[in-house]
């Protein structure tokens, strides 16, 4: 398979796999940490209207969904890519970061959560995915600087 085709597939797979992991965590979230009584967590409008009822514990699962989804997506992209593995994994992190920025504009979460989410859940998780990918790929040196 030509490198360009494999790299495009790596990007698409990273986005899809990361998105599936994110949504799976969000889907099980209410059963692990129930939302406040009467809150509709299925729409951005419902979340926005009830945000004042949320406690810090209610933000654990959304953060984990964003971080783990990005990590898994970036790792998958790194492992699938033929060339430019680290840049492709970082592109997955940047894609999900843009989604996080969009979500922070649509859902008025507390500033501390938005800051934590945008700073920690995306590009650092892409970096971690690269590091894990280096260790899983035979013959690859760790990408300390992200140049693999």
Foldseek 3Di string as FASTA:
>chain_A
DDQVVLLVVLLVQLQVQLVVQLVVLVVCLCVVPNAPPPQDPPDLVSQQVCQVRDDPVSLVSNLCSLQVSLLSSLLSSLLRHPPLSLVSSQVSLVVSLVVLVVSCVSHVHDPVSSVCSNPPRGNVSSLVSQQVNQVVDPPRDGPPVSRD
